[in-house]
């Protein structure tokens, strides 16, 4: 203890400088989105390799469990492919315009207000900013930034995340957001109170987005209440996907999204 106090006394000016400098950098990043994005891209490039090495070590320890998981995933994919061949369904045909890139989660958080996910695939694998990320259980997020071998995802558990949804039973549309409290629950606040709701109703992605295929499962209504002041419900949705146990995901991209975006961009100036 005496040595520690002596060290602080001898280096008090240096320590004070470091403290003030760190505080200044924090303020700069917090209040300037450009600097914040640059820092995220820079850190992604150099920290992702560390996450990858750590993830590989744990993969080795749980190799048997990983193999069992992959076998189950392959079985699900075969079933989907068989359904596409044998079933003439418009929603399945619509999903055929999407390309899927399998990736592994090598870093993830659920306890922060703004959570990110790191994947072991990047531009070399065809991943670009703005692509959607899903699993067989539901929506995960959107690609935020990309390096050659890695990509960073804005998780559904992020204050800037907003996912277009349908109430599956009647196709009423709304926006799903995360309120920042429980990683198992997200919220919808723009469904009008005249819409009939029931606990257990399924929420899926809507057809308006070019990020996700229509009909991707998200969760079920766990509870809801009417807001008399604005005429809308506050709806809590229990997510199908366990974000605290993410391992493998699919990065999705519509082959027609660029055409749609170009057309919609033209209408903005008319």
C-alpha atoms as a PDB file:
ATOM      1  CA  UNK A   1       0.000   0.000   0.000  1.00  0.00           C
ATOM      2  CA  UNK A   2       2.834   2.373   0.840  1.00  0.00           C
ATOM      3  CA  UNK A   3       4.522   1.646  -2.516  1.00  0.00           C
ATOM      4  CA  UNK A   4       1.270   2.308  -4.365  1.00  0.00           C
ATOM      5  CA  UNK A   5       0.800   5.687  -2.701  1.00  0.00           C
ATOM      6  CA  UNK A   6       4.415   6.559  -3.413  1.00  0.00           C
ATOM      7  CA  UNK A   7       3.976   5.613  -7.098  1.00  0.00           C
ATOM      8  CA  UNK A   8       0.860   7.804  -7.376  1.00  0.00           C
ATOM      9  CA  UNK A   9       2.630  10.725  -5.727  1.00  0.00           C
ATOM     10  CA  UNK A  10       5.642  10.477  -8.056  1.00  0.00           C
ATOM     11  CA  UNK A  11       3.481  10.208 -11.169  1.00  0.00           C
ATOM     12  CA  UNK A  12       0.509  12.342 -10.207  1.00  0.00           C
ATOM     13  CA  UNK A  13       0.814  14.742 -13.148  1.00  0.00           C
ATOM     14  CA  UNK A  14       1.150  11.917 -15.700  1.00  0.00           C
ATOM     15  CA  UNK A  15      -1.815  10.064 -14.209  1.00  0.00           C
ATOM     16  CA  UNK A  16      -3.892  13.258 -14.195  1.00  0.00           C
ATOM     17  CA  UNK A  17      -3.015  13.873 -17.857  1.00  0.00           C
ATOM     18  CA  UNK A  18      -4.026  10.322 -18.827  1.00  0.00           C
ATOM     19  CA  UNK A  19      -7.305  10.677 -16.927  1.00  0.00           C
ATOM     20  CA  UNK A  20      -8.197  13.988 -18.589  1.00  0.00           C
ATOM     21  CA  UNK A  21      -7.158  12.696 -22.023  1.00  0.00           C
ATOM     22  CA  UNK A  22      -9.309   9.589 -21.629  1.00  0.00           C
ATOM     23  CA  UNK A  23     -12.278  11.686 -20.529  1.00  0.00           C
ATOM     24  CA  UNK A  24     -11.835  13.991 -23.540  1.00  0.00           C
ATOM     25  CA  UNK A  25     -11.693  11.068 -25.986  1.00  0.00           C
ATOM     26  CA  UNK A  26     -14.845   9.606 -24.413  1.00  0.00           C
ATOM     27  CA  UNK A  27     -16.705  12.888 -24.875  1.00  0.00           C
ATOM     28  CA  UNK A  28     -15.507  13.147 -28.493  1.00  0.00           C
ATOM     29  CA  UNK A  29     -16.704   9.640 -29.377  1.00  0.00           C
ATOM     30  CA  UNK A  30     -20.001   9.980 -27.499  1.00  0.00           C
ATOM     31  CA  UNK A  31     -20.995  13.215 -29.198  1.00  0.00           C
ATOM     32  CA  UNK A  32     -19.670  12.601 -32.721  1.00  0.00           C
ATOM     33  CA  UNK A  33     -21.092   9.685 -34.716  1.00  0.00           C
ATOM     34  CA  UNK A  34     -18.365   9.902 -37.403  1.00  0.00           C
ATOM     35  CA  UNK A  35     -15.540   9.393 -34.895  1.00  0.00           C
ATOM     36  CA  UNK A  36     -17.538   6.684 -33.131  1.00  0.00           C
ATOM     37  CA  UNK A  37     -18.051   4.742 -36.374  1.00  0.00           C
ATOM     38  CA  UNK A  38     -14.377   5.062 -37.302  1.00  0.00           C
ATOM     39  CA  UNK A  39     -13.363   3.750 -33.866  1.00  0.00           C
ATOM     40  CA  UNK A  40     -15.743   0.799 -34.216  1.00  0.00           C
ATOM     41  CA  UNK A  41     -14.367  -0.077 -37.662  1.00  0.00           C
ATOM     42  CA  UNK A  42     -10.772   0.227 -36.436  1.00  0.00           C
ATOM     43  CA  UNK A  43     -11.349  -1.862 -33.322  1.00  0.00           C
ATOM     44  CA  UNK A  44     -13.279  -4.500 -35.285  1.00  0.00           C
ATOM     45  CA  UNK A  45     -10.325  -5.092 -37.598  1.00  0.00           C
ATOM     46  CA  UNK A  46      -7.810  -5.687 -34.795  1.00  0.00           C
ATOM     47  CA  UNK A  47      -9.904  -7.230 -32.030  1.00  0.00           C
ATOM     48  CA  UNK A  48     -11.796  -9.694 -34.214  1.00  0.00           C
ATOM     49  CA  UNK A  49      -8.715 -11.866 -34.657  1.00  0.00           C
ATOM     50  CA  UNK A  50      -8.451 -12.149 -30.854  1.00  0.00           C
ATOM     51  CA  UNK A  51     -12.113 -13.111 -30.596  1.00  0.00           C
ATOM     52  CA  UNK A  52     -11.594 -15.657 -33.380  1.00  0.00           C
ATOM     53  CA  UNK A  53      -8.680 -17.318 -31.565  1.00  0.00           C
ATOM     54  CA  UNK A  54     -10.618 -17.442 -28.297  1.00  0.00           C
ATOM     55  CA  UNK A  55     -13.662 -18.833 -30.063  1.00  0.00           C
ATOM     56  CA  UNK A  56     -11.555 -21.521 -31.780  1.00  0.00           C
ATOM     57  CA  UNK A  57     -10.193 -22.651 -28.411  1.00  0.00           C
ATOM     58  CA  UNK A  58     -13.683 -23.039 -26.945  1.00  0.00           C
ATOM     59  CA  UNK A  59     -14.806 -24.790 -30.139  1.00  0.00           C
ATOM     60  CA  UNK A  60     -12.112 -27.382 -29.578  1.00  0.00           C
ATOM     61  CA  UNK A  61     -13.321 -27.956 -26.016  1.00  0.00           C
ATOM     62  CA  UNK A  62     -16.924 -28.416 -27.196  1.00  0.00           C
ATOM     63  CA  UNK A  63     -16.263 -30.173 -30.501  1.00  0.00           C
ATOM     64  CA  UNK A  64     -18.802 -32.922 -29.973  1.00  0.00           C
ATOM     65  CA  UNK A  65     -21.575 -30.451 -29.133  1.00  0.00           C
ATOM     66  CA  UNK A  66     -20.680 -28.360 -32.179  1.00  0.00           C
ATOM     67  CA  UNK A  67     -20.857 -31.369 -34.497  1.00  0.00           C
ATOM     68  CA  UNK A  68     -24.276 -32.299 -33.138  1.00  0.00           C
ATOM     69  CA  UNK A  69     -25.492 -28.770 -33.717  1.00  0.00           C
ATOM     70  CA  UNK A  70     -24.239 -28.765 -37.322  1.00  0.00           C
ATOM     71  CA  UNK A  71     -25.938 -32.089 -38.022  1.00  0.00           C
ATOM     72  CA  UNK A  72     -29.251 -30.670 -36.812  1.00  0.00           C
ATOM     73  CA  UNK A  73     -28.749 -27.535 -38.897  1.00  0.00           C
ATOM     74  CA  UNK A  74     -28.031 -29.601 -42.015  1.00  0.00           C
ATOM     75  CA  UNK A  75     -31.217 -31.566 -41.433  1.00  0.00           C
ATOM     76  CA  UNK A  76     -33.259 -28.354 -41.209  1.00  0.00           C
ATOM     77  CA  UNK A  77     -31.691 -27.004 -44.402  1.00  0.00           C
ATOM     78  CA  UNK A  78     -32.455 -30.225 -46.276  1.00  0.00           C
ATOM     79  CA  UNK A  79     -36.076 -29.981 -45.143  1.00  0.00           C
ATOM     80  CA  UNK A  80     -36.304 -26.385 -46.377  1.00  0.00           C
ATOM     81  CA  UNK A  81     -34.825 -27.335 -49.750  1.00  0.00           C
ATOM     82  CA  UNK A  82     -37.250 -30.221 -50.103  1.00  0.00           C
ATOM     83  CA  UNK A  83     -40.198 -27.937 -49.278  1.00  0.00           C
ATOM     84  CA  UNK A  84     -39.080 -25.455 -51.949  1.00  0.00           C
ATOM     85  CA  UNK A  85     -39.188 -28.207 -54.565  1.00  0.00           C
ATOM     86  CA  UNK A  86     -42.482 -29.811 -53.538  1.00  0.00           C
ATOM     87  CA  UNK A  87     -44.604 -26.900 -52.284  1.00  0.00           C
ATOM     88  CA  UNK A  88     -45.956 -24.171 -54.560  1.00  0.00           C
ATOM     89  CA  UNK A  89     -46.193 -21.339 -51.993  1.00  0.00           C
ATOM     90  CA  UNK A  90     -45.756 -17.648 -52.800  1.00  0.00           C
ATOM     91  CA  UNK A  91     -43.831 -16.918 -49.602  1.00  0.00           C
ATOM     92  CA  UNK A  92     -41.326 -19.646 -50.419  1.00  0.00           C
ATOM     93  CA  UNK A  93     -40.905 -18.316 -53.949  1.00  0.00           C
ATOM     94  CA  UNK A  94     -40.294 -14.840 -52.546  1.00  0.00           C
ATOM     95  CA  UNK A  95     -37.586 -16.152 -50.244  1.00  0.00           C
ATOM     96  CA  UNK A  96     -35.753 -17.639 -53.235  1.00  0.00           C
ATOM     97  CA  UNK A  97     -34.567 -14.135 -54.175  1.00  0.00           C
ATOM     98  CA  UNK A  98     -32.445 -14.030 -51.003  1.00  0.00           C
ATOM     99  CA  UNK A  99     -28.900 -15.320 -50.744  1.00  0.00           C
ATOM    100  CA  UNK A 100     -27.703 -16.853 -47.484  1.00  0.00           C
ATOM    101  CA  UNK A 101     -24.149 -16.789 -46.090  1.00  0.00           C
ATOM    102  CA  UNK A 102     -23.479 -18.950 -43.024  1.00  0.00           C
ATOM    103  CA  UNK A 103     -21.296 -17.338 -40.348  1.00  0.00           C
ATOM    104  CA  UNK A 104     -20.172 -18.037 -36.813  1.00  0.00           C
ATOM    105  CA  UNK A 105     -20.582 -15.693 -33.858  1.00  0.00           C
ATOM    106  CA  UNK A 106     -17.181 -15.052 -32.262  1.00  0.00           C
ATOM    107  CA  UNK A 107     -18.167 -12.232 -29.914  1.00  0.00           C
ATOM    108  CA  UNK A 108     -21.501 -11.080 -28.541  1.00  0.00           C
ATOM    109  CA  UNK A 109     -23.034  -8.953 -25.784  1.00  0.00           C
ATOM    110  CA  UNK A 110     -26.545  -8.726 -24.305  1.00  0.00           C
ATOM    111  CA  UNK A 111     -26.147  -6.632 -21.143  1.00  0.00           C
ATOM    112  CA  UNK A 112     -25.238  -3.255 -22.705  1.00  0.00           C
ATOM    113  CA  UNK A 113     -27.728  -0.652 -23.940  1.00  0.00           C
ATOM    114  CA  UNK A 114     -26.180  -0.898 -27.435  1.00  0.00           C
ATOM    115  CA  UNK A 115     -25.094  -4.448 -28.206  1.00  0.00           C
ATOM    116  CA  UNK A 116     -22.949  -5.644 -31.118  1.00  0.00           C
ATOM    117  CA  UNK A 117     -22.128  -9.092 -32.523  1.00  0.00           C
ATOM    118  CA  UNK A 118     -18.876 -10.047 -34.283  1.00  0.00           C
ATOM    119  CA  UNK A 119     -18.954 -12.645 -37.085  1.00  0.00           C
ATOM    120  CA  UNK A 120     -16.082 -14.643 -38.571  1.00  0.00           C
ATOM    121  CA  UNK A 121     -16.982 -13.679 -42.165  1.00  0.00           C
ATOM    122  CA  UNK A 122     -16.293 -10.401 -43.999  1.00  0.00           C
ATOM    123  CA  UNK A 123     -16.056  -8.821 -47.431  1.00  0.00           C
ATOM    124  CA  UNK A 124     -14.044 -11.771 -48.726  1.00  0.00           C
ATOM    125  CA  UNK A 125     -17.168 -13.893 -48.232  1.00  0.00           C
ATOM    126  CA  UNK A 126     -19.446 -11.377 -49.931  1.00  0.00           C
ATOM    127  CA  UNK A 127     -20.769  -9.656 -46.812  1.00  0.00           C
ATOM    128  CA  UNK A 128     -21.582  -5.937 -47.092  1.00  0.00           C
ATOM    129  CA  UNK A 129     -22.897  -3.220 -44.801  1.00  0.00           C
ATOM    130  CA  UNK A 130     -26.689  -3.192 -44.495  1.00  0.00           C
ATOM    131  CA  UNK A 131     -27.259  -6.923 -44.965  1.00  0.00           C
ATOM    132  CA  UNK A 132     -29.615  -8.658 -42.554  1.00  0.00           C
ATOM    133  CA  UNK A 133     -28.637 -11.366 -40.073  1.00  0.00           C
ATOM    134  CA  UNK A 134     -31.024 -14.136 -38.991  1.00  0.00           C
ATOM    135  CA  UNK A 135     -31.115 -17.631 -37.525  1.00  0.00           C
ATOM    136  CA  UNK A 136     -33.661 -20.411 -37.842  1.00  0.00           C
ATOM    137  CA  UNK A 137     -35.232 -18.968 -34.684  1.00  0.00           C
ATOM    138  CA  UNK A 138     -35.513 -15.321 -35.686  1.00  0.00           C
ATOM    139  CA  UNK A 139     -34.058 -11.910 -36.559  1.00  0.00           C
ATOM    140  CA  UNK A 140     -30.619 -11.054 -35.148  1.00  0.00           C
ATOM    141  CA  UNK A 141     -29.622  -7.658 -36.584  1.00  0.00           C
ATOM    142  CA  UNK A 142     -28.014  -5.742 -39.456  1.00  0.00           C
ATOM    143  CA  UNK A 143     -24.395  -5.644 -40.655  1.00  0.00           C
ATOM    144  CA  UNK A 144     -22.842  -2.387 -39.410  1.00  0.00           C
ATOM    145  CA  UNK A 145     -19.247  -2.557 -40.666  1.00  0.00           C
ATOM    146  CA  UNK A 146     -17.068  -5.031 -42.527  1.00  0.00           C
ATOM    147  CA  UNK A 147     -13.375  -5.876 -42.794  1.00  0.00           C
ATOM    148  CA  UNK A 148     -11.838  -8.492 -45.075  1.00  0.00           C
ATOM    149  CA  UNK A 149     -12.417 -11.443 -42.743  1.00  0.00           C
ATOM    150  CA  UNK A 150     -14.855 -10.160 -40.118  1.00  0.00           C
ATOM    151  CA  UNK A 151     -18.076  -8.199 -39.786  1.00  0.00           C
ATOM    152  CA  UNK A 152     -19.806  -6.322 -36.981  1.00  0.00           C
ATOM    153  CA  UNK A 153     -23.563  -6.582 -36.485  1.00  0.00           C
ATOM    154  CA  UNK A 154     -25.866  -4.059 -34.826  1.00  0.00           C
ATOM    155  CA  UNK A 155     -27.829  -6.465 -32.668  1.00  0.00           C
ATOM    156  CA  UNK A 156     -31.608  -6.394 -32.365  1.00  0.00           C
ATOM    157  CA  UNK A 157     -30.665  -5.495 -28.780  1.00  0.00           C
ATOM    158  CA  UNK A 158     -29.595  -1.953 -29.718  1.00  0.00           C
ATOM    159  CA  UNK A 159     -31.373   1.394 -29.286  1.00  0.00           C
ATOM    160  CA  UNK A 160     -31.048   2.156 -33.026  1.00  0.00           C
ATOM    161  CA  UNK A 161     -32.498  -1.185 -34.109  1.00  0.00           C
ATOM    162  CA  UNK A 162     -35.988  -1.009 -35.683  1.00  0.00           C
ATOM    163  CA  UNK A 163     -37.491  -4.089 -37.357  1.00  0.00           C
ATOM    164  CA  UNK A 164     -40.622  -4.019 -39.521  1.00  0.00           C
ATOM    165  CA  UNK A 165     -43.101  -6.692 -38.389  1.00  0.00           C
ATOM    166  CA  UNK A 166     -46.400  -8.338 -39.197  1.00  0.00           C
ATOM    167  CA  UNK A 167     -48.857  -9.686 -36.672  1.00  0.00           C
ATOM    168  CA  UNK A 168     -49.008 -13.087 -38.347  1.00  0.00           C
ATOM    169  CA  UNK A 169     -52.694 -13.829 -37.839  1.00  0.00           C
ATOM    170  CA  UNK A 170     -53.969 -10.698 -39.605  1.00  0.00           C
ATOM    171  CA  UNK A 171     -50.838  -9.147 -41.213  1.00  0.00           C
ATOM    172  CA  UNK A 172     -51.134  -5.811 -39.384  1.00  0.00           C
ATOM    173  CA  UNK A 173     -47.779  -4.071 -39.504  1.00  0.00           C
ATOM    174  CA  UNK A 174     -45.648  -2.317 -36.897  1.00  0.00           C
ATOM    175  CA  UNK A 175     -42.109  -1.638 -35.704  1.00  0.00           C
ATOM    176  CA  UNK A 176     -40.246  -3.785 -33.165  1.00  0.00           C
ATOM    177  CA  UNK A 177     -37.671  -2.115 -30.890  1.00  0.00           C
ATOM    178  CA  UNK A 178     -35.670  -3.082 -27.814  1.00  0.00           C
ATOM    179  CA  UNK A 179     -36.212  -1.027 -24.678  1.00  0.00           C
ATOM    180  CA  UNK A 180     -32.884  -2.026 -23.116  1.00  0.00           C
ATOM    181  CA  UNK A 181     -33.969  -4.049 -20.102  1.00  0.00           C
ATOM    182  CA  UNK A 182     -34.360  -7.752 -20.858  1.00  0.00           C
ATOM    183  CA  UNK A 183     -32.538  -9.477 -23.750  1.00  0.00           C
ATOM    184  CA  UNK A 184     -35.451 -11.901 -24.085  1.00  0.00           C
ATOM    185  CA  UNK A 185     -38.096  -9.199 -24.633  1.00  0.00           C
ATOM    186  CA  UNK A 186     -38.651  -6.587 -27.376  1.00  0.00           C
ATOM    187  CA  UNK A 187     -41.501  -4.080 -27.716  1.00  0.00           C
ATOM    188  CA  UNK A 188     -44.025  -2.822 -30.294  1.00  0.00           C
ATOM    189  CA  UNK A 189     -45.726   0.536 -29.614  1.00  0.00           C
ATOM    190  CA  UNK A 190     -47.486   1.378 -32.879  1.00  0.00           C
ATOM    191  CA  UNK A 191     -50.276  -1.225 -33.168  1.00  0.00           C
ATOM    192  CA  UNK A 192     -53.686   0.536 -32.954  1.00  0.00           C
ATOM    193  CA  UNK A 193     -55.993  -0.544 -30.119  1.00  0.00           C
ATOM    194  CA  UNK A 194     -58.788  -1.626 -32.511  1.00  0.00           C
ATOM    195  CA  UNK A 195     -56.629  -4.601 -33.608  1.00  0.00           C
ATOM    196  CA  UNK A 196     -57.556  -7.810 -31.729  1.00  0.00           C
ATOM    197  CA  UNK A 197     -54.551  -9.183 -29.833  1.00  0.00           C
ATOM    198  CA  UNK A 198     -53.986 -12.322 -27.800  1.00  0.00           C
ATOM    199  CA  UNK A 199     -51.117 -13.543 -25.669  1.00  0.00           C
ATOM    200  CA  UNK A 200     -49.218 -16.070 -27.754  1.00  0.00           C
ATOM    201  CA  UNK A 201     -49.834 -14.371 -31.126  1.00  0.00           C
ATOM    202  CA  UNK A 202     -46.825 -14.775 -33.417  1.00  0.00           C
ATOM    203  CA  UNK A 203     -44.770 -11.834 -34.706  1.00  0.00           C
ATOM    204  CA  UNK A 204     -42.900 -12.176 -38.035  1.00  0.00           C
ATOM    205  CA  UNK A 205     -40.929  -9.898 -40.380  1.00  0.00           C
ATOM    206  CA  UNK A 206     -42.997  -7.892 -42.842  1.00  0.00           C
ATOM    207  CA  UNK A 207     -42.687  -7.621 -46.630  1.00  0.00           C
ATOM    208  CA  UNK A 208     -41.691  -3.928 -46.741  1.00  0.00           C
ATOM    209  CA  UNK A 209     -38.044  -4.386 -45.849  1.00  0.00           C
ATOM    210  CA  UNK A 210     -35.318  -5.320 -48.317  1.00  0.00           C
ATOM    211  CA  UNK A 211     -33.161  -6.454 -45.404  1.00  0.00           C
ATOM    212  CA  UNK A 212     -35.010  -9.610 -44.313  1.00  0.00           C
ATOM    213  CA  UNK A 213     -37.205 -12.130 -46.122  1.00  0.00           C
ATOM    214  CA  UNK A 214     -40.892 -11.852 -45.290  1.00  0.00           C
ATOM    215  CA  UNK A 215     -42.173 -14.297 -42.694  1.00  0.00           C
ATOM    216  CA  UNK A 216     -39.044 -14.788 -40.561  1.00  0.00           C
ATOM    217  CA  UNK A 217     -40.216 -15.675 -37.051  1.00  0.00           C
ATOM    218  CA  UNK A 218     -39.378 -13.172 -34.311  1.00  0.00           C
ATOM    219  CA  UNK A 219     -41.373 -14.115 -31.222  1.00  0.00           C
ATOM    220  CA  UNK A 220     -44.771 -14.274 -29.544  1.00  0.00           C
ATOM    221  CA  UNK A 221     -46.766 -11.697 -27.597  1.00  0.00           C
ATOM    222  CA  UNK A 222     -46.120 -12.186 -23.885  1.00  0.00           C
ATOM    223  CA  UNK A 223     -48.302  -9.299 -22.632  1.00  0.00           C
ATOM    224  CA  UNK A 224     -49.849  -6.043 -23.828  1.00  0.00           C
ATOM    225  CA  UNK A 225     -51.758  -3.007 -22.586  1.00  0.00           C
ATOM    226  CA  UNK A 226     -53.785  -0.196 -24.142  1.00  0.00           C
ATOM    227  CA  UNK A 227     -52.449   3.347 -23.968  1.00  0.00           C
ATOM    228  CA  UNK A 228     -55.516   5.549 -23.616  1.00  0.00           C
ATOM    229  CA  UNK A 229     -53.541   8.713 -24.307  1.00  0.00           C
ATOM    230  CA  UNK A 230     -52.439   7.812 -27.853  1.00  0.00           C
ATOM    231  CA  UNK A 231     -54.736   4.976 -29.006  1.00  0.00           C
ATOM    232  CA  UNK A 232     -51.978   2.361 -29.393  1.00  0.00           C
ATOM    233  CA  UNK A 233     -50.908  -0.778 -27.573  1.00  0.00           C
ATOM    234  CA  UNK A 234     -47.650  -1.341 -25.761  1.00  0.00           C
ATOM    235  CA  UNK A 235     -46.875  -4.928 -26.755  1.00  0.00           C
ATOM    236  CA  UNK A 236     -44.074  -7.003 -25.230  1.00  0.00           C
ATOM    237  CA  UNK A 237     -42.751  -9.757 -27.481  1.00  0.00           C
ATOM    238  CA  UNK A 238     -40.930 -12.800 -26.133  1.00  0.00           C
ATOM    239  CA  UNK A 239     -38.141 -13.449 -28.652  1.00  0.00           C
ATOM    240  CA  UNK A 240     -37.725 -16.955 -30.072  1.00  0.00           C
ATOM    241  CA  UNK A 241     -33.930 -16.599 -30.295  1.00  0.00           C
ATOM    242  CA  UNK A 242     -31.819 -16.738 -27.138  1.00  0.00           C
ATOM    243  CA  UNK A 243     -29.360 -13.897 -27.764  1.00  0.00           C
ATOM    244  CA  UNK A 244     -27.228 -15.064 -24.850  1.00  0.00           C
ATOM    245  CA  UNK A 245     -26.530 -18.331 -26.652  1.00  0.00           C
ATOM    246  CA  UNK A 246     -25.879 -17.287 -30.251  1.00  0.00           C
ATOM    247  CA  UNK A 247     -23.466 -19.507 -32.172  1.00  0.00           C
ATOM    248  CA  UNK A 248     -24.284 -19.659 -35.885  1.00  0.00           C
ATOM    249  CA  UNK A 249     -26.203 -17.196 -38.049  1.00  0.00           C
ATOM    250  CA  UNK A 250     -27.140 -16.536 -41.672  1.00  0.00           C
ATOM    251  CA  UNK A 251     -26.305 -13.244 -43.365  1.00  0.00           C
ATOM    252  CA  UNK A 252     -29.073 -12.597 -45.904  1.00  0.00           C
ATOM    253  CA  UNK A 253     -29.170 -10.354 -48.954  1.00  0.00           C
ATOM    254  CA  UNK A 254     -31.828  -9.924 -51.607  1.00  0.00           C
ATOM    255  CA  UNK A 255     -30.584 -10.035 -55.181  1.00  0.00           C
ATOM    256  CA  UNK A 256     -33.285  -7.459 -55.975  1.00  0.00           C
ATOM    257  CA  UNK A 257     -32.633  -5.046 -53.066  1.00  0.00           C
ATOM    258  CA  UNK A 258     -30.311  -2.765 -55.050  1.00  0.00           C
ATOM    259  CA  UNK A 259     -32.952  -2.322 -57.753  1.00  0.00           C
ATOM    260  CA  UNK A 260     -35.609  -1.555 -55.132  1.00  0.00           C
ATOM    261  CA  UNK A 261     -33.405   0.988 -53.350  1.00  0.00           C
ATOM    262  CA  UNK A 262     -32.556   2.764 -56.608  1.00  0.00           C
ATOM    263  CA  UNK A 263     -36.232   3.048 -57.520  1.00  0.00           C
ATOM    264  CA  UNK A 264     -37.222   4.314 -54.071  1.00  0.00           C
ATOM    265  CA  UNK A 265     -34.347   6.813 -54.129  1.00  0.00           C
ATOM    266  CA  UNK A 266     -35.707   8.338 -57.361  1.00  0.00           C
ATOM    267  CA  UNK A 267     -39.134   8.937 -55.817  1.00  0.00           C
ATOM    268  CA  UNK A 268     -37.588  10.990 -52.989  1.00  0.00           C
ATOM    269  CA  UNK A 269     -36.762  13.759 -55.436  1.00  0.00           C
ATOM    270  CA  UNK A 270     -40.139  13.889 -57.166  1.00  0.00           C
END
